[in-house]
Amino acid sequence: MLREFTIRCGVAVLALFVAAGCASRAPDAASPFALTTDRDMERHIAAIDAALSDLEVEEADHSYRLAAERLKAMVNDPYKTSLAMAYREQLVQRAGLIVAAKRQVKDLPRVIVYHGYDPNRMESMDNFFSLGDLRQRLLIAPPDRQAEVQTLIDHYAFGTGRRQYQIYLDRLAKYRSHIESVFAAHGLPPELACVAMIESAVDPTRVSHANAAGLWQFIPGTARRYNLAVTATVDQRFDPELQTYAAAAYLHDLLSMFGGAIEPALAGYNAGEGFISSAMISEGVGTFWDLDPHGSANAPGITIPRETYDYVARFFAVAIIYQNLSAYGFEQPPAEDDPFVLVQIEGDVGVDDLAMDLDLAADQIGSLNPSLVVGRTDDAVRTAIKLPAADPEEYVAKLRATRSYRISYIYRHKVTNYQSLRAIAEEYGVSAARIANLNDLTDPARLPEGLVIEIPCSMSNADAALASRQNLDWWEQRFAANERAAAPASVSTEPQASN
């Protein structure tokens, strides 16, 4: 009985203490301990203001919804009710600003600042191709073809074509560094730069009678197949850097299709890979040189154009000299670098207006952007505008100051194995639904490895994401931070390495 009485008394005393504690914690706006700010709400409001300053209404709208959800939770918290009422007034004000901004930006062009993965960066290829010594490879050709190639070599090395060949080399100097780096990343030999010599004479403005255009002479269908825009306003075939990426992918596909044999790959580039493949299969031949230019009994309707044979022979002549420039008395001009920065623009923007907003001459922008065939961007094409080399953020700041552009920061993320959309969304602090909508993900539950997705983010988030990839990964950083926090204040007198 005594034990039971003692327990009951103890419970009663504990209850009194709990009640007293609850009373002392009751909400009191006049108390010096009353809450004056909410960290999460402050973060959401700051995100709204930052998005509105860039006229990025979708980002502002998203942050507003997060703030509204936080406000609802605060209203239901008796210790934050009065604080919630103060925040409610701020959100009402910003709701009006968002509505006004939506009206303002309806027809404004959008400037996009990209961070993260570069989609033009080539990954390692399964196939790496080498042409070897083309003089030795030519020995498998029929004697009459060998004689034609030798005649062309004499023409370019010792005859009237020598001056033209030097012009090829001089023009190629402007693009050679870019071509060689892109080709190397695609597993292609540098001699394939000679394709540009015989296609366009290394002239990125050239247009053929068949409507092939640019440095690598793509027809519109091939250009679109390799993700180049061809419209009445923007024709990216005239952008030598962009078309080089497409040409490298096309040449790699051709060499892969023909087992690394350069002759049918070049013939396919000239006459169409499907046509050359059908001809070789129909005639049952092992090499391009075995094809009968007049057709055969097995394929009487298939006739290889004389132009295609001449094309392959001309490449051999030009490339054999290229492999042996000093032996033929040529000097390779030093590669020229013409640095520039890229600003992505969505919407209809004239070169003259853009130049005025950036304090540049219209000719500067026009000469760097020959793909803008009528001097303006296209509503339907996200256009990478080249600008004279400078800090890209300086250009963005000038465009922001005009209040005539929306500014968006987007992080490109390449999906690695076992990554889920939810994990990616948590990493960047963006909802999974927003990422799915922006990237038209029909099945967000399954993200294939290697997929590049775009993630809307603030500048600070983009910087943080860049930093995490330039140094340790996120888990290693967190582990290192925990280790430092747990370590004594002064353990070693050795100098510490900085990140």
Protein backbone atom coordinates (compact mmCIF):
# COMPACT_ATOMS: atom_id res chain seq x y z
CA MET A 1 0.00 0.00 0.00
CA LEU A 2 2.79 2.39 0.88
CA ARG A 3 4.52 1.68 -2.44
CA GLU A 4 1.30 2.32 -4.39
CA PHE A 5 0.70 5.59 -2.49
CA THR A 6 4.27 6.73 -3.23
CA ILE A 7 3.87 6.01 -6.96
CA ARG A 8 0.58 7.92 -7.10
CA CYS A 9 2.11 10.90 -5.35
CA GLY A 10 5.04 10.85 -7.77
CA VAL A 11 2.70 10.81 -10.79
CA ALA A 12 0.71 13.68 -9.35
CA VAL A 13 3.84 15.77 -8.75
CA LEU A 14 5.07 15.03 -12.30
CA ALA A 15 1.72 16.09 -13.70
CA LEU A 16 1.97 19.38 -11.81
CA PHE A 17 5.44 20.00 -13.25
CA VAL A 18 4.25 19.22 -16.81
CA ALA A 19 1.28 21.52 -16.43
CA ALA A 20 3.51 24.27 -15.12
CA GLY A 21 5.89 23.78 -18.06
CA CYS A 22 3.09 23.91 -20.60
CA ALA A 23 1.76 27.07 -19.02
CA SER A 24 5.16 28.69 -19.19
CA ARG A 25 5.40 27.81 -22.91
CA ALA A 26 1.98 29.19 -23.85
CA PRO A 27 2.13 31.67 -26.76
CA ASP A 28 2.61 35.24 -25.64
CA ALA A 29 3.35 37.91 -28.20
CA ALA A 30 4.66 40.22 -25.49
CA SER A 31 7.16 37.67 -24.23
CA PRO A 32 10.83 38.40 -25.05
CA PHE A 33 11.05 34.80 -26.24
CA ALA A 34 8.29 35.16 -28.85
CA LEU A 35 9.31 34.09 -32.38
CA THR A 36 9.99 36.96 -34.78
CA THR A 37 11.05 35.06 -37.92
CA ASP A 38 10.66 31.64 -39.50
CA ARG A 39 13.73 30.35 -41.33
CA ASP A 40 11.83 28.34 -43.96
CA MET A 41 9.39 31.16 -44.69
CA GLU A 42 12.22 33.67 -45.02
CA ARG A 43 13.92 31.36 -47.50
CA HIS A 44 10.76 30.99 -49.60
CA ILE A 45 10.11 34.75 -49.63
CA ALA A 46 13.71 35.44 -50.63
CA ALA A 47 13.33 32.93 -53.48
CA ILE A 48 10.15 34.70 -54.64
CA ASP A 49 11.89 38.07 -54.64
CA ALA A 50 14.93 36.72 -56.48
CA ALA A 51 12.74 35.10 -59.15
CA LEU A 52 10.68 38.27 -59.59
CA SER A 53 13.85 40.34 -60.01
CA ASP A 54 14.73 38.08 -62.97
CA LEU A 55 11.12 38.07 -64.21
CA GLU A 56 11.17 34.28 -63.83
CA VAL A 57 7.50 33.93 -62.98
CA GLU A 58 7.40 30.12 -63.00
CA GLU A 59 10.10 30.02 -60.33
CA ALA A 60 8.34 32.75 -58.33
CA ASP A 61 5.04 30.89 -58.59
CA HIS A 62 6.64 27.67 -57.38
CA SER A 63 8.29 29.38 -54.40
CA TYR A 64 4.98 31.08 -53.57
CA ARG A 65 3.21 27.71 -53.38
CA LEU A 66 5.91 26.42 -51.03
CA ALA A 67 5.49 29.55 -48.89
CA ALA A 68 1.70 29.05 -48.79
CA GLU A 69 2.17 25.48 -47.57
CA ARG A 70 4.53 26.72 -44.88
CA LEU A 71 2.04 29.41 -43.86
CA LYS A 72 -0.67 26.78 -43.44
CA ALA A 73 1.60 24.80 -41.10
CA MET A 74 2.39 27.96 -39.10
CA VAL A 75 -1.29 28.83 -38.67
CA ASN A 76 -1.85 25.40 -37.10
CA ASP A 77 1.07 25.92 -34.70
CA PRO A 78 -0.14 27.84 -31.58
CA TYR A 79 3.35 29.25 -31.05
CA LYS A 80 3.51 30.78 -34.53
CA THR A 81 -0.03 32.06 -35.08
CA SER A 82 0.76 35.75 -34.66
CA LEU A 83 3.90 35.37 -36.77
CA ALA A 84 1.85 33.65 -39.48
CA MET A 85 -0.46 36.67 -39.71
CA ALA A 86 2.54 38.94 -40.37
CA TYR A 87 3.82 36.63 -43.10
CA ARG A 88 0.34 36.40 -44.59
CA GLU A 89 0.46 40.13 -45.40
CA GLN A 90 3.82 39.69 -47.14
CA LEU A 91 2.52 36.80 -49.24
CA VAL A 92 -0.60 38.70 -50.27
CA GLN A 93 1.64 41.51 -51.50
CA ARG A 94 3.85 39.11 -53.46
CA ALA A 95 0.86 37.35 -54.97
CA GLY A 96 -0.10 40.65 -56.58
CA LEU A 97 3.45 41.13 -57.84
CA ILE A 98 3.48 37.65 -59.39
CA VAL A 99 0.20 38.32 -61.22
CA ALA A 100 1.59 41.61 -62.54
CA ALA A 101 4.84 39.93 -63.57
CA LYS A 102 2.96 37.24 -65.48
CA ARG A 103 1.26 39.91 -67.56
CA GLN A 104 4.58 41.71 -68.11
CA VAL A 105 6.61 38.70 -69.25
CA LYS A 106 3.99 37.15 -71.51
CA ASP A 107 5.84 38.15 -74.68
CA LEU A 108 9.35 38.74 -73.33
CA PRO A 109 12.29 36.69 -74.60
CA ARG A 110 14.03 34.44 -72.09
CA VAL A 111 17.76 34.38 -71.36
CA ILE A 112 18.96 31.03 -70.02
CA VAL A 113 22.17 30.61 -68.04
CA TYR A 114 23.27 26.98 -68.06
CA HIS A 115 25.43 25.22 -65.52
CA GLY A 116 26.51 21.63 -65.07
CA TYR A 117 26.81 18.98 -67.73
CA ASP A 118 27.67 20.13 -71.25
CA PRO A 119 25.55 18.15 -73.76
CA ASN A 120 28.15 18.81 -76.46
CA ARG A 121 30.82 17.10 -74.38
CA MET A 122 31.50 13.71 -75.94
CA GLU A 123 31.81 10.65 -73.79
CA SER A 124 34.26 7.87 -74.56
CA MET A 125 33.26 5.96 -77.68
CA ASP A 126 33.25 2.22 -78.15
CA ASN A 127 34.89 2.59 -81.59
CA PHE A 128 38.09 4.49 -82.34
CA PHE A 129 38.95 4.74 -86.00
CA SER A 130 42.29 5.23 -87.71
CA LEU A 131 42.96 5.76 -91.39
CA GLY A 132 46.55 4.57 -91.15
CA ASP A 133 48.86 5.40 -94.04
CA LEU A 134 46.46 6.25 -96.84
CA ARG A 135 49.14 5.62 -99.46
CA GLN A 136 49.26 2.00 -98.35
CA ARG A 137 45.47 1.76 -98.16
CA LEU A 138 45.17 3.05 -101.71
CA LEU A 139 46.99 -0.05 -102.96
CA ILE A 140 43.75 -2.09 -102.70
CA ALA A 141 42.10 0.20 -105.25
CA PRO A 142 42.07 -0.71 -108.96
CA PRO A 143 45.09 0.62 -110.90
CA ASP A 144 43.04 3.18 -112.78
CA ARG A 145 41.76 4.63 -109.47
CA GLN A 146 45.29 4.74 -108.08
CA ALA A 147 46.36 6.66 -111.18
CA GLU A 148 43.48 9.15 -110.72
CA VAL A 149 44.47 9.78 -107.12
CA GLN A 150 48.11 10.31 -108.10
CA THR A 151 47.03 12.79 -110.78
CA LEU A 152 45.10 14.75 -108.14
CA ILE A 153 48.08 14.66 -105.77
CA ASP A 154 50.29 16.11 -108.49
CA HIS A 155 47.66 18.78 -109.18
CA TYR A 156 47.46 19.96 -105.55
CA ALA A 157 51.13 19.49 -104.64
CA PHE A 158 52.95 20.60 -107.78
CA GLY A 159 50.41 22.01 -110.23
CA THR A 160 47.87 24.79 -110.45
CA GLY A 161 45.98 23.44 -107.45
CA ARG A 162 48.84 24.11 -105.02
CA ARG A 163 47.66 27.67 -104.32
CA GLN A 164 44.14 26.36 -103.67
CA TYR A 165 45.43 23.75 -101.24
CA GLN A 166 47.29 26.43 -99.28
CA ILE A 167 44.05 28.40 -99.10
CA TYR A 168 42.39 25.29 -97.62
CA LEU A 169 45.08 25.12 -94.94
CA ASP A 170 44.87 28.84 -94.17
CA ARG A 171 41.10 28.70 -93.77
CA LEU A 172 41.24 25.51 -91.75
CA ALA A 173 43.54 27.18 -89.18
CA LYS A 174 40.54 29.07 -87.79
CA TYR A 175 38.61 25.88 -87.02
CA ARG A 176 41.34 23.24 -86.68
CA SER A 177 41.59 23.19 -82.88
CA HIS A 178 37.84 22.78 -82.51
CA ILE A 179 37.59 20.16 -85.26
CA GLU A 180 40.45 18.07 -83.92
CA SER A 181 39.20 18.15 -80.32
CA VAL A 182 35.64 17.22 -81.33
CA PHE A 183 36.82 14.50 -83.71
CA ALA A 184 39.19 13.05 -81.10
CA ALA A 185 36.33 12.87 -78.62
CA HIS A 186 34.31 10.96 -81.24
CA GLY A 187 37.14 8.54 -81.93
CA LEU A 188 37.83 10.04 -85.35
CA PRO A 189 41.25 10.69 -86.94
CA PRO A 190 42.28 14.31 -87.59
CA GLU A 191 42.67 13.66 -91.34
CA LEU A 192 38.88 13.68 -91.64
CA ALA A 193 39.13 17.47 -91.47
CA CYS A 194 39.89 17.07 -95.18
CA VAL A 195 36.19 16.35 -95.72
CA ALA A 196 35.57 20.05 -95.10
CA MET A 197 38.18 20.89 -97.75
CA ILE A 198 36.44 18.96 -100.51
CA GLU A 199 32.91 19.69 -99.32
CA SER A 200 33.00 23.46 -98.90
CA ALA A 201 36.61 24.55 -99.49
CA VAL A 202 36.48 25.31 -95.72
CA ASP A 203 33.89 28.04 -96.32
CA PRO A 204 31.10 27.95 -93.68
CA THR A 205 28.88 30.24 -95.78
CA ARG A 206 28.81 28.01 -98.87
CA VAL A 207 25.48 26.72 -100.25
CA SER A 208 25.37 24.10 -103.00
CA HIS A 209 22.89 23.68 -105.84
CA ALA A 210 21.39 20.78 -103.83
CA ASN A 211 20.78 23.12 -100.85
CA ALA A 212 23.62 21.62 -98.83
CA ALA A 213 25.10 24.31 -96.61
CA GLY A 214 27.86 25.13 -94.20
CA LEU A 215 31.38 23.92 -93.50
CA TRP A 216 30.33 20.26 -93.77
CA GLN A 217 27.59 20.76 -96.41
CA PHE A 218 24.55 19.22 -94.71
CA ILE A 219 21.25 19.08 -96.51
CA PRO A 220 18.29 20.11 -94.29
CA GLY A 221 17.20 16.53 -93.61
CA THR A 222 20.61 15.41 -92.37
CA ALA A 223 20.99 18.59 -90.32
CA ARG A 224 17.71 18.00 -88.49
CA ARG A 225 18.61 14.33 -87.96
CA TYR A 226 21.68 15.51 -86.07
CA ASN A 227 19.80 18.15 -84.04
CA LEU A 228 20.62 21.26 -86.04
CA ALA A 229 17.81 23.78 -86.40
CA VAL A 230 16.91 24.71 -89.98
CA THR A 231 14.17 27.34 -90.16
CA ALA A 232 13.51 30.50 -92.14
CA THR A 233 15.07 32.51 -89.28
CA VAL A 234 17.77 30.26 -87.78
CA ASP A 235 19.89 27.87 -89.85
CA GLN A 236 22.49 26.24 -87.62
CA ARG A 237 24.26 24.67 -90.59
CA PHE A 238 26.03 28.03 -90.92
CA ASP A 239 27.42 27.74 -87.38
CA PRO A 240 30.79 26.01 -87.92
CA GLU A 241 31.14 24.96 -84.28
CA LEU A 242 27.68 23.43 -84.02
CA GLN A 243 27.87 21.76 -87.42
CA THR A 244 31.24 20.23 -86.50
CA TYR A 245 29.57 18.38 -83.62
CA ALA A 246 26.95 17.09 -86.04
CA ALA A 247 29.53 16.15 -88.70
CA ALA A 248 31.59 14.21 -86.14
CA ALA A 249 28.52 12.24 -85.05
CA TYR A 250 27.57 11.56 -88.69
CA LEU A 251 31.06 10.44 -89.71
CA HIS A 252 31.30 8.19 -86.65
CA ASP A 253 27.94 6.62 -87.57
CA LEU A 254 29.09 6.08 -91.16
CA LEU A 255 32.36 4.43 -90.17
CA SER A 256 30.54 2.24 -87.66
CA MET A 257 28.01 1.25 -90.31
CA PHE A 258 30.72 0.17 -92.78
CA GLY A 259 32.99 -1.55 -90.27
CA GLY A 260 35.57 1.25 -90.18
CA ALA A 261 36.14 1.25 -93.97
CA ILE A 262 36.73 4.84 -95.03
CA GLU A 263 35.84 4.40 -98.74
CA PRO A 264 32.14 3.42 -98.38
CA ALA A 265 31.80 5.85 -95.44
CA LEU A 266 32.92 8.74 -97.66
CA ALA A 267 30.72 7.51 -100.50
CA GLY A 268 27.80 7.41 -98.06
CA TYR A 269 28.55 10.97 -96.98
CA ASN A 270 28.39 12.03 -100.63
CA ALA A 271 25.57 9.92 -102.05
CA GLY A 272 23.70 8.65 -98.98
CA GLU A 273 24.64 5.74 -96.75
CA GLY A 274 21.49 3.79 -97.53
CA PHE A 275 22.16 3.95 -101.25
CA ILE A 276 25.80 2.82 -100.92
CA SER A 277 24.90 0.04 -98.49
CA SER A 278 22.17 -1.26 -100.80
CA ALA A 279 24.53 -1.20 -103.77
CA MET A 280 27.24 -3.18 -101.95
CA ILE A 281 24.73 -5.73 -100.66
CA SER A 282 23.01 -6.12 -104.04
CA GLU A 283 26.26 -6.58 -105.93
CA GLY A 284 27.72 -8.81 -103.21
CA VAL A 285 31.04 -6.96 -103.07
CA GLY A 286 33.41 -6.62 -100.13
CA THR A 287 34.86 -3.16 -100.79
CA PHE A 288 33.69 0.08 -102.33
CA TRP A 289 36.31 -0.21 -105.10
CA ASP A 290 34.65 -3.46 -106.27
CA LEU A 291 31.42 -1.68 -107.15
CA ASP A 292 30.76 -1.45 -110.86
CA PRO A 293 30.05 2.19 -111.77
CA HIS A 294 27.68 0.92 -114.48
CA GLY A 295 25.73 -1.43 -112.21
CA SER A 296 25.80 -5.21 -112.44
CA ALA A 297 23.67 -8.16 -113.44
CA ASN A 298 22.63 -8.55 -109.78
CA ALA A 299 21.68 -4.89 -109.46
CA PRO A 300 21.04 -3.47 -112.92
CA GLY A 301 19.09 -0.50 -111.56
CA ILE A 302 21.82 0.65 -109.17
CA THR A 303 24.43 2.91 -110.73
CA ILE A 304 26.99 4.67 -108.54
CA PRO A 305 27.37 8.27 -109.74
CA ARG A 306 30.74 9.10 -111.26
CA GLU A 307 30.78 12.08 -108.89
CA THR A 308 30.89 9.69 -105.89
CA TYR A 309 33.92 7.80 -107.22
CA ASP A 310 35.65 11.11 -107.90
CA TYR A 311 34.73 12.32 -104.40
CA VAL A 312 36.44 9.35 -102.74
CA ALA A 313 39.50 9.70 -105.00
CA ARG A 314 39.74 13.41 -104.26
CA PHE A 315 39.60 12.79 -100.52
CA PHE A 316 42.47 10.32 -100.79
CA ALA A 317 44.57 12.86 -102.69
CA VAL A 318 43.87 15.73 -100.29
CA ALA A 319 44.30 13.56 -97.18
CA ILE A 320 47.53 11.91 -98.36
CA ILE A 321 49.04 15.38 -98.74
CA TYR A 322 47.61 16.35 -95.32
CA GLN A 323 49.34 13.35 -93.74
CA ASN A 324 52.64 14.42 -95.34
CA LEU A 325 52.57 18.22 -95.49
CA SER A 326 56.29 18.77 -95.02
CA ALA A 327 57.16 16.15 -97.63
CA TYR A 328 55.10 18.08 -100.17
CA GLY A 329 56.52 21.46 -99.11
CA PHE A 330 53.48 22.81 -97.23
CA GLU A 331 53.52 24.52 -93.85
CA GLN A 332 50.64 24.10 -91.43
CA PRO A 333 49.54 27.59 -90.29
CA PRO A 334 49.22 27.95 -86.50
CA ALA A 335 45.73 27.26 -85.18
CA GLU A 336 43.70 30.38 -84.49
CA ASP A 337 41.54 30.72 -81.40
CA ASP A 338 38.62 33.12 -81.54
CA PRO A 339 37.20 33.00 -77.98
CA PHE A 340 33.56 33.75 -77.33
CA VAL A 341 30.89 33.14 -74.73
CA LEU A 342 27.42 31.72 -75.23
CA VAL A 343 24.11 33.12 -74.03
CA GLN A 344 21.03 30.99 -74.66
CA ILE A 345 17.95 32.91 -75.76
CA GLU A 346 14.36 31.76 -76.24
CA GLY A 347 12.07 34.09 -78.13
CA ASP A 348 12.21 36.61 -80.95
CA VAL A 349 15.14 39.01 -80.47
CA GLY A 350 16.75 41.18 -83.13
CA VAL A 351 20.52 41.43 -83.36
CA ASP A 352 20.31 45.23 -83.40
CA ASP A 353 18.22 45.32 -80.22
CA LEU A 354 20.45 42.80 -78.47
CA ALA A 355 23.57 44.76 -79.42
CA MET A 356 22.06 47.96 -78.06
CA ASP A 357 21.12 46.27 -74.76
CA LEU A 358 24.65 44.86 -74.39
CA ASP A 359 26.53 47.99 -75.52
CA LEU A 360 28.01 46.10 -78.47
CA ALA A 361 28.14 46.76 -82.20
CA ALA A 362 25.55 44.85 -84.20
CA ASP A 363 28.30 43.73 -86.60
CA GLN A 364 30.13 42.06 -83.71
CA ILE A 365 27.15 39.88 -82.90
CA GLY A 366 26.23 39.32 -86.53
CA SER A 367 29.68 38.10 -87.55
CA LEU A 368 29.80 35.68 -84.62
CA ASN A 369 26.34 34.30 -85.37
CA PRO A 370 25.97 33.50 -89.09
CA SER A 371 23.18 31.06 -88.22
CA LEU A 372 20.88 34.07 -87.64
CA VAL A 373 20.14 34.29 -91.33
CA VAL A 374 17.73 37.25 -91.07
CA GLY A 375 19.40 38.98 -88.15
CA ARG A 376 17.12 37.75 -85.37
CA THR A 377 16.37 34.70 -83.27
CA ASP A 378 13.41 32.36 -83.70
CA ASP A 379 10.49 31.93 -81.30
CA ALA A 380 10.56 28.17 -81.88
CA VAL A 381 14.31 27.62 -81.42
CA ARG A 382 16.39 27.92 -78.27
CA THR A 383 19.34 29.78 -79.78
CA ALA A 384 22.90 29.86 -78.44
CA ILE A 385 24.09 33.39 -79.18
CA LYS A 386 27.86 33.90 -79.37
CA LEU A 387 29.16 37.10 -77.82
CA PRO A 388 32.68 38.56 -77.59
CA ALA A 389 34.69 36.94 -74.82
CA ALA A 390 33.83 38.41 -71.40
CA ASP A 391 32.27 37.36 -68.12
CA PRO A 392 28.84 35.91 -69.06
CA GLU A 393 27.34 37.32 -65.86
CA GLU A 394 28.21 40.83 -67.04
CA TYR A 395 26.07 40.27 -70.12
CA VAL A 396 23.27 38.79 -68.02
CA ALA A 397 23.38 41.77 -65.65
CA LYS A 398 23.01 44.20 -68.55
CA LEU A 399 20.06 42.27 -69.97
CA ARG A 400 18.46 42.06 -66.52
CA ALA A 401 18.80 45.83 -66.10
CA THR A 402 16.71 46.47 -69.24
CA ARG A 403 13.72 44.61 -67.72
CA SER A 404 13.09 43.35 -71.26
CA TYR A 405 14.21 39.76 -70.70
CA ARG A 406 13.40 36.91 -68.36
CA ILE A 407 16.48 35.41 -66.74
CA SER A 408 16.54 31.67 -65.98
CA TYR A 409 19.23 29.57 -64.36
CA ILE A 410 19.13 25.93 -65.39
CA TYR A 411 21.39 23.15 -64.22
CA ARG A 412 21.96 20.26 -66.62
CA HIS A 413 22.20 16.97 -64.76
CA LYS A 414 23.31 13.70 -66.29
CA VAL A 415 21.54 10.74 -64.71
CA THR A 416 23.88 8.13 -63.28
CA ASN A 417 23.07 4.54 -62.47
CA TYR A 418 20.40 3.94 -59.83
CA GLN A 419 19.44 7.62 -59.55
CA SER A 420 15.74 8.29 -59.04
CA LEU A 421 13.89 11.48 -59.89
CA ARG A 422 13.04 11.91 -56.23
CA ALA A 423 16.71 11.74 -55.20
CA ILE A 424 17.69 14.25 -57.90
CA ALA A 425 14.89 16.60 -56.85
CA GLU A 426 16.00 16.45 -53.21
CA GLU A 427 19.62 17.11 -54.21
CA TYR A 428 18.69 20.36 -55.96
CA GLY A 429 15.81 21.40 -53.71
CA VAL A 430 13.27 21.32 -56.55
CA SER A 431 10.04 19.35 -56.68
CA ALA A 432 10.08 16.17 -58.74
CA ALA A 433 6.90 17.31 -60.53
CA ARG A 434 8.60 20.47 -61.80
CA ILE A 435 11.55 18.52 -63.17
CA ALA A 436 9.23 15.99 -64.83
CA ASN A 437 7.15 18.75 -66.46
CA LEU A 438 10.15 20.74 -67.67
CA ASN A 439 11.70 17.67 -69.30
CA ASP A 440 8.48 16.01 -70.57
CA LEU A 441 9.27 12.84 -68.63
CA THR A 442 6.48 10.41 -69.46
CA ASP A 443 7.73 7.82 -66.97
CA PRO A 444 9.49 9.68 -64.13
CA ALA A 445 9.84 6.46 -62.16
CA ARG A 446 12.38 5.14 -64.67
CA LEU A 447 15.25 7.41 -65.65
CA PRO A 448 17.67 5.79 -68.09
CA GLU A 449 21.34 6.12 -67.26
CA GLY A 450 22.97 8.87 -69.30
CA LEU A 451 19.78 10.93 -69.71
CA VAL A 452 20.48 14.68 -69.44
CA ILE A 453 17.70 16.56 -67.68
CA GLU A 454 17.27 20.27 -67.03
CA ILE A 455 16.67 21.47 -63.49
CA PRO A 456 15.44 25.01 -62.74
CA CYS A 457 17.45 26.55 -59.94
CA SER A 458 18.60 29.81 -58.47
CA MET A 459 22.11 31.08 -59.11
CA SER A 460 23.15 30.06 -55.60
CA ASN A 461 21.90 26.52 -56.15
CA ALA A 462 23.75 26.33 -59.46
CA ASP A 463 26.98 27.49 -57.81
CA ALA A 464 26.56 24.99 -55.00
CA ALA A 465 25.95 22.17 -57.46
CA LEU A 466 29.02 23.14 -59.45
CA ALA A 467 31.15 23.24 -56.34
CA SER A 468 29.98 19.81 -55.24
CA ARG A 469 31.06 18.35 -58.58
CA GLN A 470 34.36 20.18 -58.83
CA ASN A 471 35.51 18.92 -55.43
CA LEU A 472 34.30 15.91 -53.43
CA ASP A 473 30.88 14.44 -53.96
CA TRP A 474 28.14 15.41 -51.54
CA TRP A 475 28.51 12.43 -49.22
CA GLU A 476 32.26 12.87 -48.91
CA GLN A 477 31.80 16.55 -48.11
CA ARG A 478 29.26 15.79 -45.42
CA PHE A 479 31.47 13.09 -43.91
CA ALA A 480 34.47 15.45 -43.91
CA ALA A 481 32.37 18.18 -42.26
CA ASN A 482 31.23 15.79 -39.52
CA GLU A 483 34.83 14.72 -38.92
CA ARG A 484 35.95 18.32 -38.55
CA ALA A 485 33.07 19.09 -36.19
CA ALA A 486 33.95 16.14 -33.98
CA ALA A 487 37.69 16.89 -33.90
CA PRO A 488 39.30 18.95 -31.08
CA ALA A 489 39.87 22.62 -31.80
CA SER A 490 43.67 22.37 -31.96
CA VAL A 491 45.06 19.00 -32.87
CA SER A 492 47.88 19.66 -35.29
CA THR A 493 50.25 22.49 -36.12
CA GLU A 494 50.69 21.22 -39.70
CA PRO A 495 49.34 23.53 -42.45
CA GLN A 496 45.98 22.44 -43.79
CA ALA A 497 45.22 22.09 -47.52
CA SER A 498 42.49 24.36 -48.84
CA ASN A 499 39.76 23.25 -51.20
